[in-house]
């Protein structure tokens, strides 16, 4: 692809003093203290012009002339823009994903706005569709052909940027050698409409044009006329929330795209292309972030993939870990051919509560692969111990048969706009709490709730939460999951699921229930990695709505469903916990 005839002269020089604050970089990272940036429009295969920024390592204001490997990141969030205070923000000059340090370490870093966003022309047909994936392919190959490039390209990103990285890899660009994918999905249907229930991610409103108009124009667009023309084309973008809400089943045909769009955007359909191309893969997430379940499953589908999980939330660099060094060493190995000859560990992950304070462990097994399921059974409240009529017990032995009911509560507190993690819901449904643990419990992997449930409606949504409650009564959610009664049917997954239940969610699989019909729900929760200390309790909460659902007003039933959980007996409801040694 060719640049669209615009000037590409140096327009920005960043000195060492302007680099992000933090610990002093190691000596190899000091090789290139300066940065020279150029920007231009690059036309992809259908002629659409995308805004591309190139950052070259420099010393004393002079760019390195020898070819270097390139790290590329592809964003919908504006690669360069002016914030409300008039400051120019640049993705490549932020070290959140080590990009500034990679420049310093001798990499060219390139960023680009996806079509239909930022300063790029065109419009989005769909969220991370094959058009966008092929755009990434074309830009990788364009970067590989430039005089500043050795011809070897790596990609990095988290969240949407992790998705553009993963999707570009599925097109197998010949020059793409390694990807570092953060907080992205393997199966977009199973993520966005987990258990048949859309919640939180990808359902927010689209931004107004003013957001993209705050992008910094590319070099040569001095009056911003090209930027304004590009943003005008964004008006044809497919609305993201409407796209997702409009496809209730895996095989739904979108009115926007005219096809079974979930299948188009499921990266699991294209994994063989990545394997055949020999592209190195590294998947990263944090334990208090819902996409980490998908990141872990992604790693399980590549024999040589590496996996990293830290504490904390969405796309936050793992604290107490040399994140920048890890990324740099990874790309050094696959793009420069340098580094230790020792095989790196397959997995590095944080274990909350390890040695009391918590710590990182390394392993040649993915988290949970060596764990064994231990069943904890739901029981009725013991006399004198229940806080309310909705309290029951959680124990290692099946209790006598019984049933507990609750009415779904839709009037829930408004969460923060991006509530990436759930909060305790023990007062919104049924809770089953263990006795204080007599010894620490090391939980590594995916909990799975096996519930016998009925309702007085033809369908209802079931949310489950695993809480850790300390000796003082303070609770935190450590895992959660969800499943609609009508989506309970299981099937064979088209990818490795680490032994977890797979709910296909096709139209033929959706089966409403008869009021009062008892059905079995097998719900996988988000993965855990922690040592629960002695004296703490484990609590399973079952509810019928979650405050992170952005469409609660649209889906509420009146009167609200009454959900009954059946416990004890031959087919007892239980929670399987992944117990590690």
Protein backbone atom coordinates (compact mmCIF):
# COMPACT_ATOMS: atom_id res chain seq x y z
CA UNK A 1 0.00 0.00 0.00
CA UNK A 2 1.25 3.49 -0.72
CA UNK A 3 1.24 6.67 1.30
CA UNK A 4 -1.43 9.04 0.01
CA UNK A 5 0.89 11.75 -1.28
CA UNK A 6 1.31 13.66 2.01
CA UNK A 7 4.53 15.02 3.47
CA UNK A 8 6.36 12.82 5.94
CA UNK A 9 8.93 15.15 7.42
CA UNK A 10 10.07 15.09 11.05
CA UNK A 11 7.64 17.15 13.09
CA UNK A 12 8.27 16.07 16.68
CA UNK A 13 11.33 15.46 18.79
CA UNK A 14 11.00 13.92 22.22
CA UNK A 15 14.00 13.99 24.52
CA UNK A 16 14.82 11.68 27.42
CA UNK A 17 13.49 14.27 29.85
CA UNK A 18 10.05 13.95 28.28
CA UNK A 19 9.83 10.19 28.74
CA UNK A 20 7.24 8.77 31.15
CA UNK A 21 8.19 8.99 34.81
CA UNK A 22 9.02 5.85 36.76
CA UNK A 23 12.03 3.69 37.61
CA UNK A 24 15.18 4.40 35.64
CA UNK A 25 15.44 2.16 32.58
CA UNK A 26 18.20 -0.41 32.35
CA UNK A 27 21.21 0.49 30.19
CA UNK A 28 20.02 -1.24 27.00
CA UNK A 29 16.89 0.90 27.12
CA UNK A 30 18.97 4.08 27.08
CA UNK A 31 20.32 3.42 23.60
CA UNK A 32 17.95 5.88 21.92
CA UNK A 33 16.91 8.78 24.16
CA UNK A 34 15.09 10.70 21.42
CA UNK A 35 12.14 10.08 19.13
CA UNK A 36 11.31 11.47 15.70
CA UNK A 37 7.73 11.13 14.52
CA UNK A 38 6.22 11.36 11.06
CA UNK A 39 2.62 10.79 10.03
CA UNK A 40 0.75 10.26 6.80
CA UNK A 41 -2.26 8.63 5.24
CA UNK A 42 -1.68 5.12 3.93
CA UNK A 43 -4.15 3.59 1.48
CA UNK A 44 -5.16 -0.03 2.12
CA UNK A 45 -6.38 -2.49 -0.51
CA UNK A 46 -9.79 -0.90 -1.09
CA UNK A 47 -8.32 2.61 -1.28
CA UNK A 48 -9.42 3.73 2.19
CA UNK A 49 -6.83 6.07 3.70
CA UNK A 50 -5.78 5.30 7.28
CA UNK A 51 -3.86 7.69 9.52
CA UNK A 52 -0.47 6.16 10.41
CA UNK A 53 2.14 7.55 12.80
CA UNK A 54 5.74 6.32 12.76
CA UNK A 55 8.10 6.89 15.70
CA UNK A 56 11.78 6.30 14.99
CA UNK A 57 14.50 5.98 17.62
CA UNK A 58 16.94 8.88 17.54
CA UNK A 59 20.02 10.33 19.18
CA UNK A 60 20.60 14.06 19.39
CA UNK A 61 17.71 14.70 17.02
CA UNK A 62 18.93 12.34 14.31
CA UNK A 63 16.90 9.23 13.52
CA UNK A 64 18.62 5.86 13.37
CA UNK A 65 19.36 5.10 9.72
CA UNK A 66 19.91 1.36 10.09
CA UNK A 67 16.77 -0.74 9.57
CA UNK A 68 15.03 -1.76 12.80
CA UNK A 69 12.15 -4.08 13.70
CA UNK A 70 8.73 -2.45 13.95
CA UNK A 71 6.11 -2.68 16.71
CA UNK A 72 2.61 -1.76 15.53
CA UNK A 73 -0.56 -0.90 17.44
CA UNK A 74 -3.95 -0.34 15.79
CA UNK A 75 -6.52 1.68 17.75
CA UNK A 76 -10.11 3.01 17.65
CA UNK A 77 -9.30 5.44 20.48
CA UNK A 78 -7.28 8.02 18.48
CA UNK A 79 -3.54 7.41 18.23
CA UNK A 80 -2.89 11.15 18.57
CA UNK A 81 -5.38 13.64 19.94
CA UNK A 82 -5.64 16.89 21.87
CA UNK A 83 -7.21 16.50 25.31
CA UNK A 84 -9.57 18.96 27.01
CA UNK A 85 -6.59 20.84 28.47
CA UNK A 86 -4.96 21.32 25.09
CA UNK A 87 -2.28 18.69 25.63
CA UNK A 88 -1.43 16.30 22.78
CA UNK A 89 -1.71 12.66 23.88
CA UNK A 90 0.11 10.03 21.84
CA UNK A 91 -0.36 6.29 22.25
CA UNK A 92 3.23 5.54 21.22
CA UNK A 93 4.74 7.88 23.82
CA UNK A 94 2.94 6.27 26.73
CA UNK A 95 4.67 3.37 28.48
CA UNK A 96 1.47 1.63 29.58
CA UNK A 97 2.21 -0.95 26.88
CA UNK A 98 5.97 -0.32 26.93
CA UNK A 99 5.90 1.53 23.61
CA UNK A 100 8.09 4.42 24.70
CA UNK A 101 10.60 1.97 26.15
CA UNK A 102 10.52 -0.11 22.97
CA UNK A 103 11.51 2.96 20.96
CA UNK A 104 14.33 3.56 23.40
CA UNK A 105 15.36 -0.09 23.03
CA UNK A 106 15.79 0.17 19.28
CA UNK A 107 12.38 -0.45 17.77
CA UNK A 108 10.40 1.67 15.37
CA UNK A 109 6.90 2.01 16.82
CA UNK A 110 3.92 2.66 14.57
CA UNK A 111 0.34 3.47 15.52
CA UNK A 112 -2.72 3.86 13.33
CA UNK A 113 -6.39 4.72 13.70
CA UNK A 114 -8.74 2.02 12.46
CA UNK A 115 -11.07 2.96 9.61
CA UNK A 116 -14.04 4.98 10.77
CA UNK A 117 -12.25 6.32 13.87
CA UNK A 118 -9.73 8.98 14.80
CA UNK A 119 -8.16 10.68 11.79
CA UNK A 120 -8.71 7.74 9.43
CA UNK A 121 -11.16 7.79 6.56
CA UNK A 122 -13.87 5.22 5.92
CA UNK A 123 -16.49 3.72 8.18
CA UNK A 124 -16.79 0.62 10.33
CA UNK A 125 -18.99 -2.09 8.90
CA UNK A 126 -18.73 -3.96 12.18
CA UNK A 127 -16.73 -4.20 15.35
CA UNK A 128 -13.43 -6.01 14.55
CA UNK A 129 -14.73 -7.48 11.30
CA UNK A 130 -12.61 -9.05 8.57
CA UNK A 131 -12.31 -5.72 6.78
CA UNK A 132 -10.58 -4.29 9.83
CA UNK A 133 -8.43 -7.41 10.14
CA UNK A 134 -7.28 -7.07 6.53
CA UNK A 135 -6.57 -3.37 7.11
CA UNK A 136 -4.20 -4.49 9.86
CA UNK A 137 -2.64 -7.00 7.45
CA UNK A 138 -2.04 -4.30 4.84
CA UNK A 139 -0.48 -1.89 7.33
CA UNK A 140 1.84 -4.57 8.72
CA UNK A 141 3.10 -5.29 5.21
CA UNK A 142 3.40 -1.58 4.40
CA UNK A 143 5.51 -1.06 7.51
CA UNK A 144 7.68 -4.07 6.66
CA UNK A 145 8.53 -2.55 3.26
CA UNK A 146 9.67 0.84 4.55
CA UNK A 147 13.40 1.73 4.53
CA UNK A 148 13.43 2.06 8.32
CA UNK A 149 12.24 -1.56 8.75
CA UNK A 150 14.11 -4.87 8.85
CA UNK A 151 10.96 -6.47 7.47
CA UNK A 152 10.03 -8.00 10.82
CA UNK A 153 6.94 -6.64 12.59
CA UNK A 154 5.39 -7.30 15.99
CA UNK A 155 2.02 -6.12 17.27
CA UNK A 156 0.86 -5.17 20.75
CA UNK A 157 -2.41 -4.01 22.27
CA UNK A 158 -4.88 -4.40 25.10
CA UNK A 159 -8.69 -4.43 25.09
CA UNK A 160 -9.86 -3.27 21.65
CA UNK A 161 -6.20 -2.90 20.65
CA UNK A 162 -5.63 -6.45 21.80
CA UNK A 163 -8.47 -7.43 19.51
CA UNK A 164 -7.01 -5.65 16.49
CA UNK A 165 -3.71 -7.38 17.24
CA UNK A 166 -5.33 -10.82 17.49
CA UNK A 167 -7.52 -10.31 14.42
CA UNK A 168 -4.63 -9.03 12.31
CA UNK A 169 -2.66 -12.14 13.29
CA UNK A 170 -5.49 -14.32 11.97
CA UNK A 171 -4.81 -12.93 8.48
CA UNK A 172 -1.21 -14.20 8.77
CA UNK A 173 0.72 -11.26 7.30
CA UNK A 174 4.07 -12.73 6.15
CA UNK A 175 6.03 -10.04 8.02
CA UNK A 176 4.20 -10.43 11.35
CA UNK A 177 6.40 -12.50 13.67
CA UNK A 178 5.02 -12.01 17.18
CA UNK A 179 1.95 -10.61 18.95
CA UNK A 180 1.34 -9.53 22.54
CA UNK A 181 -2.43 -9.66 23.09
CA UNK A 182 -4.01 -8.15 26.20
CA UNK A 183 -7.62 -8.52 27.41
CA UNK A 184 -9.09 -9.73 24.15
CA UNK A 185 -11.51 -12.51 23.27
CA UNK A 186 -11.22 -15.86 21.56
CA UNK A 187 -14.99 -16.24 21.13
CA UNK A 188 -16.73 -12.89 20.88
CA UNK A 189 -20.23 -14.34 21.21
CA UNK A 190 -19.29 -16.22 24.38
CA UNK A 191 -17.73 -13.02 25.72
CA UNK A 192 -20.15 -10.25 24.74
CA UNK A 193 -23.29 -12.39 25.25
CA UNK A 194 -21.88 -14.73 27.87
CA UNK A 195 -24.54 -17.31 28.72
CA UNK A 196 -26.95 -15.55 26.34
CA UNK A 197 -26.80 -12.35 28.43
CA UNK A 198 -25.16 -9.13 27.16
CA UNK A 199 -23.51 -7.10 29.89
CA UNK A 200 -20.92 -4.37 30.36
CA UNK A 201 -18.50 -4.72 27.47
CA UNK A 202 -19.18 -3.36 23.98
CA UNK A 203 -22.69 -2.11 24.78
CA UNK A 204 -21.92 1.54 25.45
CA UNK A 205 -23.10 4.36 23.15
CA UNK A 206 -20.87 5.49 20.29
CA UNK A 207 -18.89 8.71 20.66
CA UNK A 208 -20.05 11.95 18.99
CA UNK A 209 -18.03 13.35 16.05
CA UNK A 210 -16.32 15.89 18.32
CA UNK A 211 -14.27 13.08 19.84
CA UNK A 212 -12.63 12.13 16.53
CA UNK A 213 -12.34 15.79 15.51
CA UNK A 214 -9.96 16.22 18.46
CA UNK A 215 -7.48 13.97 16.63
CA UNK A 216 -4.26 15.63 15.54
CA UNK A 217 -4.19 15.96 11.73
CA UNK A 218 -1.47 14.06 9.89
CA UNK A 219 1.55 15.88 8.49
CA UNK A 220 0.59 17.99 5.51
CA UNK A 221 -3.00 18.50 6.66
CA UNK A 222 -2.21 21.92 8.04
CA UNK A 223 -5.73 23.30 7.97
CA UNK A 224 -7.38 20.07 9.18
CA UNK A 225 -9.53 19.78 6.06
CA UNK A 226 -8.59 16.15 5.52
CA UNK A 227 -9.37 15.37 9.16
CA UNK A 228 -12.81 16.94 8.82
CA UNK A 229 -13.45 15.02 5.61
CA UNK A 230 -12.39 11.77 7.28
CA UNK A 231 -14.61 12.29 10.31
CA UNK A 232 -17.58 13.10 8.07
CA UNK A 233 -17.28 9.55 6.67
CA UNK A 234 -17.55 8.12 10.21
CA UNK A 235 -21.25 9.01 10.25
CA UNK A 236 -21.82 5.76 8.33
CA UNK A 237 -20.33 3.63 11.13
CA UNK A 238 -22.42 0.69 12.32
CA UNK A 239 -23.57 1.45 15.90
CA UNK A 240 -21.76 -1.03 18.14
CA UNK A 241 -24.34 -1.52 20.92
CA UNK A 242 -27.17 -1.99 18.43
CA UNK A 243 -25.05 -4.50 16.51
CA UNK A 244 -24.49 -6.67 19.59
CA UNK A 245 -27.99 -6.36 21.05
CA UNK A 246 -29.46 -7.24 17.65
CA UNK A 247 -27.87 -10.71 17.52
CA UNK A 248 -29.26 -12.77 20.42
CA UNK A 249 -27.93 -16.13 19.19
CA UNK A 250 -24.61 -17.29 17.79
CA UNK A 251 -26.11 -17.85 14.34
CA UNK A 252 -28.20 -14.65 14.26
CA UNK A 253 -27.97 -12.73 11.00
CA UNK A 254 -27.22 -9.08 11.66
CA UNK A 255 -29.45 -6.51 10.00
CA UNK A 256 -26.38 -4.27 9.78
CA UNK A 257 -23.91 -6.68 8.16
CA UNK A 258 -26.26 -9.16 6.50
CA UNK A 259 -24.44 -12.24 7.77
CA UNK A 260 -23.94 -14.40 10.88
CA UNK A 261 -21.59 -11.79 12.24
CA UNK A 262 -20.63 -13.59 15.47
CA UNK A 263 -18.95 -16.26 13.35
CA UNK A 264 -17.09 -13.68 11.29
CA UNK A 265 -15.58 -12.06 14.38
CA UNK A 266 -14.77 -15.25 16.31
CA UNK A 267 -10.98 -15.48 16.21
CA UNK A 268 -11.24 -19.20 17.03
CA UNK A 269 -12.27 -19.73 13.40
CA UNK A 270 -8.85 -18.61 12.17
CA UNK A 271 -6.38 -20.06 14.69
CA UNK A 272 -4.87 -22.48 12.19
CA UNK A 273 -3.72 -19.53 10.07
CA UNK A 274 -1.71 -18.20 13.01
CA UNK A 275 -0.26 -21.65 13.73
CA UNK A 276 0.75 -22.26 10.11
CA UNK A 277 2.38 -18.84 9.90
CA UNK A 278 4.45 -19.55 13.02
CA UNK A 279 3.46 -16.26 14.65
CA UNK A 280 4.56 -16.23 18.30
CA UNK A 281 1.70 -15.52 20.73
CA UNK A 282 1.63 -14.04 24.22
CA UNK A 283 -1.68 -13.48 26.03
CA UNK A 284 -2.07 -11.18 29.01
CA UNK A 285 -4.84 -10.26 31.42
CA UNK A 286 -5.37 -9.32 35.06
CA UNK A 287 -7.37 -11.42 37.49
CA UNK A 288 -9.92 -8.71 38.26
CA UNK A 289 -10.86 -8.28 34.63
CA UNK A 290 -13.56 -10.29 32.87
CA UNK A 291 -11.67 -10.80 29.55
CA UNK A 292 -8.93 -12.73 31.38
CA UNK A 293 -11.09 -15.85 31.10
CA UNK A 294 -10.86 -15.49 27.32
CA UNK A 295 -7.13 -14.70 27.43
CA UNK A 296 -6.49 -17.91 29.36
CA UNK A 297 -8.55 -19.93 26.90
CA UNK A 298 -6.70 -18.30 24.00
CA UNK A 299 -3.37 -19.40 25.47
CA UNK A 300 -4.73 -22.94 25.87
CA UNK A 301 -5.32 -23.10 22.10
CA UNK A 302 -1.65 -22.58 21.18
CA UNK A 303 0.91 -25.15 22.30
CA UNK A 304 3.70 -22.57 22.58
CA UNK A 305 1.69 -19.55 23.72
CA UNK A 306 2.79 -17.70 26.81
CA UNK A 307 0.42 -16.29 29.43
CA UNK A 308 0.67 -13.50 31.99
CA UNK A 309 -1.82 -12.49 34.67
CA UNK A 310 -1.32 -9.82 37.27
CA UNK A 311 -3.51 -8.45 40.05
CA UNK A 312 -5.72 -5.51 39.32
CA UNK A 313 -8.12 -4.40 36.65
CA UNK A 314 -8.48 -3.80 32.93
CA UNK A 315 -5.22 -3.28 31.01
CA UNK A 316 -3.35 -2.01 34.08
CA UNK A 317 0.37 -2.92 33.91
CA UNK A 318 0.91 -5.65 36.54
CA UNK A 319 2.35 -4.03 39.67
CA UNK A 320 5.52 -5.47 41.14
CA UNK A 321 6.43 -7.05 37.81
CA UNK A 322 8.94 -5.97 35.15
CA UNK A 323 6.23 -5.57 32.52
CA UNK A 324 8.28 -3.36 30.23
CA UNK A 325 11.23 -5.73 30.46
CA UNK A 326 9.02 -8.74 29.75
CA UNK A 327 7.57 -7.16 26.62
CA UNK A 328 10.99 -6.01 25.41
CA UNK A 329 12.61 -9.40 25.97
CA UNK A 330 9.72 -11.12 24.17
CA UNK A 331 10.07 -8.97 21.07
CA UNK A 332 13.87 -9.11 21.25
CA UNK A 333 13.64 -12.90 21.03
CA UNK A 334 11.22 -13.03 18.11
CA UNK A 335 12.13 -9.91 16.13
CA UNK A 336 15.84 -9.50 16.86
CA UNK A 337 16.81 -13.08 17.66
CA UNK A 338 18.52 -12.00 20.86
CA UNK A 339 18.05 -13.04 24.47
CA UNK A 340 18.64 -15.98 26.71
CA UNK A 341 18.75 -19.43 25.19
CA UNK A 342 16.76 -20.77 28.12
CA UNK A 343 13.13 -21.53 27.38
CA UNK A 344 10.93 -18.97 29.16
CA UNK A 345 8.12 -20.22 31.42
CA UNK A 346 4.78 -20.81 29.73
CA UNK A 347 2.89 -18.93 32.44
CA UNK A 348 3.65 -16.17 34.91
CA UNK A 349 0.82 -15.16 37.20
CA UNK A 350 -0.04 -13.48 40.46
CA UNK A 351 -1.42 -15.56 43.32
CA UNK A 352 -3.35 -13.35 45.74
CA UNK A 353 -2.56 -14.19 49.37
CA UNK A 354 0.50 -16.30 48.54
CA UNK A 355 2.77 -16.05 51.58
CA UNK A 356 0.10 -13.70 52.96
CA UNK A 357 0.99 -10.69 50.79
CA UNK A 358 0.66 -12.36 47.41
CA UNK A 359 3.27 -13.01 44.75
CA UNK A 360 4.06 -14.12 41.23
CA UNK A 361 4.72 -17.73 40.29
CA UNK A 362 6.03 -19.22 37.06
CA UNK A 363 4.99 -22.52 35.59
CA UNK A 364 5.14 -24.61 32.45
CA UNK A 365 1.42 -25.28 32.98
CA UNK A 366 -1.33 -22.73 32.53
CA UNK A 367 -3.19 -21.67 35.69
CA UNK A 368 -5.66 -24.38 36.68
CA UNK A 369 -4.27 -27.15 34.48
CA UNK A 370 -2.91 -28.94 37.55
CA UNK A 371 -5.86 -28.17 39.85
CA UNK A 372 -8.49 -30.68 40.95
CA UNK A 373 -12.19 -29.86 41.30
CA UNK A 374 -13.55 -30.03 44.84
CA UNK A 375 -17.33 -29.97 45.25
CA UNK A 376 -18.92 -27.62 47.78
CA UNK A 377 -22.61 -28.34 48.23
CA UNK A 378 -25.48 -25.96 48.85
CA UNK A 379 -27.41 -26.56 52.05
CA UNK A 380 -30.25 -25.02 54.01
CA UNK A 381 -29.70 -22.47 56.74
CA UNK A 382 -28.76 -23.85 60.13
CA UNK A 383 -31.03 -22.80 62.93
CA UNK A 384 -29.87 -19.58 64.51
CA UNK A 385 -27.09 -18.91 61.97
CA UNK A 386 -28.91 -17.26 59.07
CA UNK A 387 -28.78 -13.50 58.64
CA UNK A 388 -31.99 -13.70 56.59
CA UNK A 389 -34.36 -16.15 54.97
CA UNK A 390 -32.05 -16.16 51.94
CA UNK A 391 -29.02 -17.54 53.79
CA UNK A 392 -27.85 -21.12 53.39
CA UNK A 393 -24.70 -23.13 53.90
CA UNK A 394 -21.84 -24.21 51.67
CA UNK A 395 -20.07 -27.39 52.67
CA UNK A 396 -18.15 -30.43 51.50
CA UNK A 397 -21.01 -32.84 52.11
CA UNK A 398 -24.36 -32.95 50.33
CA UNK A 399 -27.21 -31.83 52.56
CA UNK A 400 -30.74 -33.17 52.76
CA UNK A 401 -33.06 -32.18 49.89
CA UNK A 402 -34.62 -28.75 49.95
CA UNK A 403 -35.27 -25.63 47.91
CA UNK A 404 -34.80 -21.89 48.28
CA UNK A 405 -36.54 -19.15 46.29
CA UNK A 406 -36.03 -15.46 45.65
CA UNK A 407 -37.63 -12.76 43.54
CA UNK A 408 -35.34 -11.09 41.00
CA UNK A 409 -34.41 -7.52 41.93
CA UNK A 410 -34.03 -5.09 39.04
CA UNK A 411 -33.70 -1.90 41.09
CA UNK A 412 -29.95 -2.09 41.53
CA UNK A 413 -27.41 0.62 42.36
CA UNK A 414 -25.91 2.34 39.34
CA UNK A 415 -22.35 1.10 38.81
CA UNK A 416 -19.47 3.19 37.60
CA UNK A 417 -19.55 3.61 33.83
CA UNK A 418 -16.86 0.98 33.30
CA UNK A 419 -17.50 -1.42 36.16
CA UNK A 420 -14.96 -4.00 35.07
CA UNK A 421 -15.49 -6.09 38.18
CA UNK A 422 -18.56 -7.13 40.15
CA UNK A 423 -19.39 -6.11 43.71
CA UNK A 424 -20.99 -8.33 46.36
CA UNK A 425 -24.63 -9.14 45.64
CA UNK A 426 -25.44 -11.17 48.76
CA UNK A 427 -28.47 -8.98 49.59
CA UNK A 428 -29.94 -9.33 46.07
CA UNK A 429 -30.62 -13.06 45.94
CA UNK A 430 -29.65 -16.30 47.69
CA UNK A 431 -26.38 -16.76 49.54
CA UNK A 432 -24.67 -19.95 50.69
CA UNK A 433 -21.75 -19.45 53.08
CA UNK A 434 -19.14 -21.88 54.35
CA UNK A 435 -17.91 -22.24 57.89
CA UNK A 436 -14.59 -20.48 58.55
CA UNK A 437 -11.80 -22.38 56.80
CA UNK A 438 -9.65 -24.40 59.18
CA UNK A 439 -6.68 -24.20 56.81
CA UNK A 440 -5.79 -22.09 53.77
CA UNK A 441 -7.36 -23.03 50.44
CA UNK A 442 -5.33 -22.44 47.27
CA UNK A 443 -7.71 -21.82 44.37
CA UNK A 444 -6.17 -21.72 40.88
CA UNK A 445 -8.37 -21.99 37.80
CA UNK A 446 -12.05 -21.80 36.90
CA UNK A 447 -14.81 -22.42 39.48
CA UNK A 448 -17.92 -24.03 37.99
CA UNK A 449 -21.40 -23.83 39.52
CA UNK A 450 -23.69 -26.82 38.91
CA UNK A 451 -27.19 -25.72 39.83
CA UNK A 452 -30.65 -27.31 39.72
CA UNK A 453 -32.96 -24.37 39.08
CA UNK A 454 -36.60 -23.65 38.26
CA UNK A 455 -38.55 -20.44 37.70
CA UNK A 456 -42.15 -19.31 37.45
CA UNK A 457 -41.43 -17.87 33.97
CA UNK A 458 -40.42 -19.38 30.64
CA UNK A 459 -36.98 -17.80 30.98
CA UNK A 460 -34.84 -16.04 33.56
CA UNK A 461 -31.25 -14.93 33.91
CA UNK A 462 -29.03 -16.44 36.58
CA UNK A 463 -25.92 -14.68 37.91
CA UNK A 464 -23.50 -16.39 40.29
CA UNK A 465 -20.79 -14.78 42.42
CA UNK A 466 -18.04 -16.35 44.50
CA UNK A 467 -17.09 -14.17 47.45
CA UNK A 468 -14.25 -14.34 49.92
CA UNK A 469 -15.41 -13.09 53.32
CA UNK A 470 -12.73 -12.33 55.87
CA UNK A 471 -12.95 -12.88 59.62
CA UNK A 472 -14.26 -9.34 60.12
CA UNK A 473 -17.08 -9.87 57.61
CA UNK A 474 -15.59 -7.83 54.76
CA UNK A 475 -16.44 -9.46 51.43
CA UNK A 476 -14.99 -9.24 47.93
CA UNK A 477 -16.11 -10.91 44.73
CA UNK A 478 -13.36 -13.19 43.44
CA UNK A 479 -15.22 -14.77 40.49
CA UNK A 480 -18.57 -14.53 38.73
CA UNK A 481 -20.56 -15.99 35.84
CA UNK A 482 -23.96 -15.86 34.17
CA UNK A 483 -26.35 -18.02 32.15
CA UNK A 484 -29.93 -17.66 30.93
CA UNK A 485 -32.17 -20.66 31.59
CA UNK A 486 -32.98 -20.82 27.88
CA UNK A 487 -29.27 -21.05 26.96
CA UNK A 488 -28.50 -24.02 29.23
CA UNK A 489 -27.95 -26.51 26.36
CA UNK A 490 -24.33 -27.59 26.05
CA UNK A 491 -22.39 -28.82 23.04
CA UNK A 492 -18.96 -29.51 21.65
CA UNK A 493 -16.83 -26.41 21.36
CA UNK A 494 -14.90 -25.59 18.17
CA UNK A 495 -11.81 -24.84 20.28
CA UNK A 496 -10.13 -26.05 23.46
CA UNK A 497 -12.13 -24.98 26.54
CA UNK A 498 -9.88 -26.33 29.34
CA UNK A 499 -12.69 -28.72 30.25
CA UNK A 500 -15.26 -25.97 30.82
CA UNK A 501 -18.92 -26.28 29.79
CA UNK A 502 -19.63 -24.82 26.36
CA UNK A 503 -23.02 -23.30 25.55
CA UNK A 504 -23.34 -23.00 21.74
CA UNK A 505 -26.17 -20.47 21.90
CA UNK A 506 -27.43 -21.22 18.40
CA UNK A 507 -31.09 -20.59 17.64
CA UNK A 508 -31.85 -24.33 17.72
CA UNK A 509 -30.17 -24.60 21.13
CA UNK A 510 -32.31 -21.96 22.82
CA UNK A 511 -34.96 -23.76 24.86
CA UNK A 512 -37.34 -21.87 27.14
CA UNK A 513 -38.54 -23.76 30.22
CA UNK A 514 -42.00 -24.60 31.44
CA UNK A 515 -42.84 -22.70 34.64
CA UNK A 516 -41.73 -24.87 37.55
CA UNK A 517 -39.56 -27.13 35.36
CA UNK A 518 -36.29 -28.01 37.11
CA UNK A 519 -33.30 -27.69 34.77
CA UNK A 520 -29.58 -28.11 35.22
CA UNK A 521 -27.29 -25.10 34.77
CA UNK A 522 -23.53 -25.54 34.49
CA UNK A 523 -21.98 -22.09 34.78
CA UNK A 524 -18.25 -21.46 34.50
CA UNK A 525 -17.08 -18.47 36.52
CA UNK A 526 -14.16 -16.17 35.79
CA UNK A 527 -10.81 -17.70 36.81
CA UNK A 528 -9.30 -17.27 40.27
CA UNK A 529 -5.74 -17.33 41.55
CA UNK A 530 -5.54 -16.93 45.31
CA UNK A 531 -4.87 -18.45 48.67
CA UNK A 532 -7.93 -18.02 50.87
CA UNK A 533 -6.58 -17.80 54.42
CA UNK A 534 -7.76 -19.87 57.34
CA UNK A 535 -10.58 -18.12 59.18
CA UNK A 536 -12.12 -16.72 56.00
CA UNK A 537 -15.39 -17.98 54.57
CA UNK A 538 -16.42 -18.78 51.01
CA UNK A 539 -19.82 -17.57 49.82
CA UNK A 540 -21.82 -18.36 46.72
CA UNK A 541 -24.46 -15.80 45.79
CA UNK A 542 -27.17 -16.43 43.19
CA UNK A 543 -29.07 -13.46 41.72
CA UNK A 544 -31.27 -12.72 38.71
CA UNK A 545 -29.86 -9.39 37.49
CA UNK A 546 -26.60 -7.49 37.67
CA UNK A 547 -26.08 -3.71 37.96
CA UNK A 548 -23.52 -3.83 35.13
CA UNK A 549 -26.27 -4.71 32.64
CA UNK A 550 -26.81 -1.58 30.62
CA UNK A 551 -30.20 -2.76 29.34
CA UNK A 552 -31.91 -3.56 32.65
CA UNK A 553 -34.81 -1.23 31.86
CA UNK A 554 -35.44 -3.08 28.60
CA UNK A 555 -35.26 -6.63 29.92
CA UNK A 556 -37.01 -6.34 33.29
CA UNK A 557 -40.09 -8.52 33.65
CA UNK A 558 -43.16 -7.37 35.58
CA UNK A 559 -43.90 -9.13 37.79
CA UNK A 560 -40.30 -10.12 38.36
CA UNK A 561 -39.42 -13.81 38.02
CA UNK A 562 -39.22 -16.00 41.10
CA UNK A 563 -36.20 -18.31 40.83
CA UNK A 564 -35.88 -21.46 42.92
CA UNK A 565 -32.61 -23.27 43.62
CA UNK A 566 -32.95 -26.98 44.44
CA UNK A 567 -30.34 -28.50 46.73
CA UNK A 568 -29.48 -31.85 48.24
CA UNK A 569 -30.48 -35.25 46.95
CA UNK A 570 -28.96 -37.33 44.16
CA UNK A 571 -28.34 -34.39 41.83
CA UNK A 572 -27.36 -31.78 44.37
CA UNK A 573 -26.51 -28.21 43.47
CA UNK A 574 -22.84 -27.57 44.11
CA UNK A 575 -19.89 -25.31 43.38
CA UNK A 576 -16.73 -26.98 42.07
CA UNK A 577 -13.64 -25.11 43.20
CA UNK A 578 -10.24 -25.57 41.49
CA UNK A 579 -8.01 -26.71 44.36
CA UNK A 580 -4.26 -26.48 43.74
CA UNK A 581 -1.47 -28.01 45.79
